[in-house]
N, C-alpha and C. Protein backbone atom coordinates (compact mmCIF):
# COMPACT_ATOMS: atom_id res chain seq x y z
N MET A 1 121.84 138.81 301.32
CA MET A 1 122.03 137.61 300.56
C MET A 1 122.45 137.91 299.11
N PRO A 2 123.45 138.72 298.92
CA PRO A 2 123.89 139.03 297.56
C PRO A 2 124.38 137.82 296.79
N VAL A 3 124.95 136.85 297.48
CA VAL A 3 125.47 135.67 296.79
C VAL A 3 124.32 134.90 296.16
N LEU A 4 123.22 134.75 296.86
CA LEU A 4 122.06 134.04 296.32
C LEU A 4 121.51 134.76 295.10
N ASN A 5 121.43 136.07 295.15
CA ASN A 5 120.94 136.84 294.00
C ASN A 5 121.87 136.67 292.80
N ASP A 6 123.17 136.63 293.04
CA ASP A 6 124.14 136.42 291.96
C ASP A 6 123.96 135.03 291.35
N GLN A 7 123.69 134.04 292.18
CA GLN A 7 123.50 132.68 291.69
C GLN A 7 122.23 132.59 290.84
N ILE A 8 121.18 133.23 291.28
CA ILE A 8 119.92 133.24 290.52
C ILE A 8 120.13 133.93 289.18
N ALA A 9 120.83 135.04 289.17
CA ALA A 9 121.11 135.76 287.92
C ALA A 9 121.92 134.89 286.97
N LEU A 10 122.88 134.14 287.50
CA LEU A 10 123.69 133.26 286.67
C LEU A 10 122.85 132.15 286.06
N VAL A 11 121.95 131.57 286.82
CA VAL A 11 121.07 130.52 286.31
C VAL A 11 120.17 131.07 285.21
N ASP A 12 119.64 132.28 285.41
CA ASP A 12 118.81 132.91 284.38
C ASP A 12 119.60 133.14 283.11
N GLU A 13 120.85 133.56 283.25
CA GLU A 13 121.69 133.80 282.08
C GLU A 13 121.99 132.49 281.35
N ILE A 14 122.26 131.44 282.08
CA ILE A 14 122.53 130.14 281.47
C ILE A 14 121.29 129.64 280.74
N ASP A 15 120.11 129.82 281.33
CA ASP A 15 118.86 129.42 280.67
C ASP A 15 118.67 130.18 279.37
N SER A 16 119.00 131.46 279.35
CA SER A 16 118.87 132.27 278.14
C SER A 16 119.80 131.76 277.05
N VAL A 17 121.03 131.44 277.42
CA VAL A 17 122.00 130.93 276.45
C VAL A 17 121.57 129.57 275.92
N ASP A 18 121.09 128.71 276.80
CA ASP A 18 120.59 127.40 276.36
C ASP A 18 119.42 127.55 275.40
N SER A 19 118.50 128.46 275.72
CA SER A 19 117.36 128.71 274.84
C SER A 19 117.81 129.25 273.49
N TYR A 20 118.82 130.10 273.51
CA TYR A 20 119.37 130.65 272.27
C TYR A 20 119.92 129.52 271.40
N PHE A 21 120.71 128.63 271.98
CA PHE A 21 121.29 127.55 271.19
C PHE A 21 120.22 126.59 270.66
N GLU A 22 119.18 126.35 271.44
CA GLU A 22 118.07 125.54 270.95
C GLU A 22 117.40 126.23 269.77
N CYS A 23 117.25 127.53 269.86
CA CYS A 23 116.62 128.31 268.79
C CYS A 23 117.44 128.25 267.51
N ILE A 24 118.76 128.52 267.61
CA ILE A 24 119.56 128.53 266.39
C ILE A 24 119.70 127.14 265.79
N ALA A 25 119.58 126.11 266.62
CA ALA A 25 119.64 124.75 266.09
C ALA A 25 118.44 124.45 265.21
N SER A 26 117.34 125.18 265.42
CA SER A 26 116.13 124.95 264.62
C SER A 26 116.13 125.78 263.34
N CYS A 27 117.09 126.70 263.18
CA CYS A 27 117.16 127.55 262.00
C CYS A 27 117.77 126.80 260.82
N GLY A 28 117.31 127.14 259.64
CA GLY A 28 117.88 126.56 258.43
C GLY A 28 119.15 127.28 258.04
N ILE A 29 119.80 126.77 256.99
CA ILE A 29 121.02 127.42 256.52
C ILE A 29 120.79 128.22 255.25
N ASP A 30 119.54 128.32 254.83
CA ASP A 30 119.21 129.11 253.64
C ASP A 30 119.12 130.59 254.00
N SER A 31 118.65 131.39 253.08
CA SER A 31 118.58 132.84 253.31
C SER A 31 117.61 133.19 254.45
N GLU A 32 116.59 132.39 254.65
CA GLU A 32 115.66 132.64 255.75
C GLU A 32 116.31 132.29 257.09
N GLY A 33 117.34 131.49 257.05
CA GLY A 33 118.04 131.12 258.27
C GLY A 33 118.68 132.30 258.95
N SER A 34 119.16 133.27 258.18
CA SER A 34 119.77 134.45 258.79
C SER A 34 118.73 135.28 259.53
N ASP A 35 117.51 135.35 259.00
CA ASP A 35 116.43 136.03 259.71
C ASP A 35 116.09 135.29 261.00
N CYS A 36 116.12 133.98 260.92
CA CYS A 36 115.85 133.15 262.10
C CYS A 36 116.91 133.40 263.17
N LEU A 37 118.17 133.45 262.76
CA LEU A 37 119.25 133.69 263.71
C LEU A 37 119.10 135.06 264.37
N THR A 38 118.72 136.05 263.58
CA THR A 38 118.51 137.39 264.13
C THR A 38 117.40 137.38 265.17
N ARG A 39 116.30 136.69 264.87
CA ARG A 39 115.20 136.59 265.83
C ARG A 39 115.66 135.88 267.11
N CYS A 40 116.47 134.84 266.96
CA CYS A 40 116.97 134.13 268.14
C CYS A 40 117.78 135.05 269.04
N ILE A 41 118.62 135.86 268.43
CA ILE A 41 119.43 136.81 269.21
C ILE A 41 118.53 137.81 269.92
N GLU A 42 117.58 138.36 269.18
CA GLU A 42 116.70 139.37 269.76
C GLU A 42 115.87 138.81 270.90
N VAL A 43 115.36 137.61 270.74
CA VAL A 43 114.47 137.03 271.74
C VAL A 43 115.23 136.52 272.96
N HIS A 44 116.33 135.83 272.73
CA HIS A 44 116.97 135.10 273.83
C HIS A 44 118.18 135.79 274.45
N LEU A 45 118.83 136.67 273.74
CA LEU A 45 120.04 137.27 274.28
C LEU A 45 119.97 138.76 274.50
N LYS A 46 119.15 139.46 273.73
CA LYS A 46 119.11 140.91 273.82
C LYS A 46 118.69 141.38 275.21
N SER A 47 117.80 140.68 275.86
CA SER A 47 117.35 141.09 277.20
C SER A 47 118.48 141.02 278.21
N ASN A 48 119.47 140.16 277.98
CA ASN A 48 120.61 140.08 278.89
C ASN A 48 121.58 141.22 278.71
N LEU A 49 121.53 141.90 277.57
CA LEU A 49 122.44 143.00 277.32
C LEU A 49 121.96 144.30 277.94
N ASP A 50 120.67 144.40 278.20
CA ASP A 50 120.10 145.64 278.75
C ASP A 50 120.41 145.80 280.21
């Protein structure tokens, strides 16, 4: 069932991207906002790169 596994992986990836966008939407645009954006990347997207 490789197709099913591929579909599950795609859904997980979409959930990570959605979570990332929700996270960055909560960040400010001040200097602390860049730290917030970095945390969003590390938490929501970095695991997909490994």
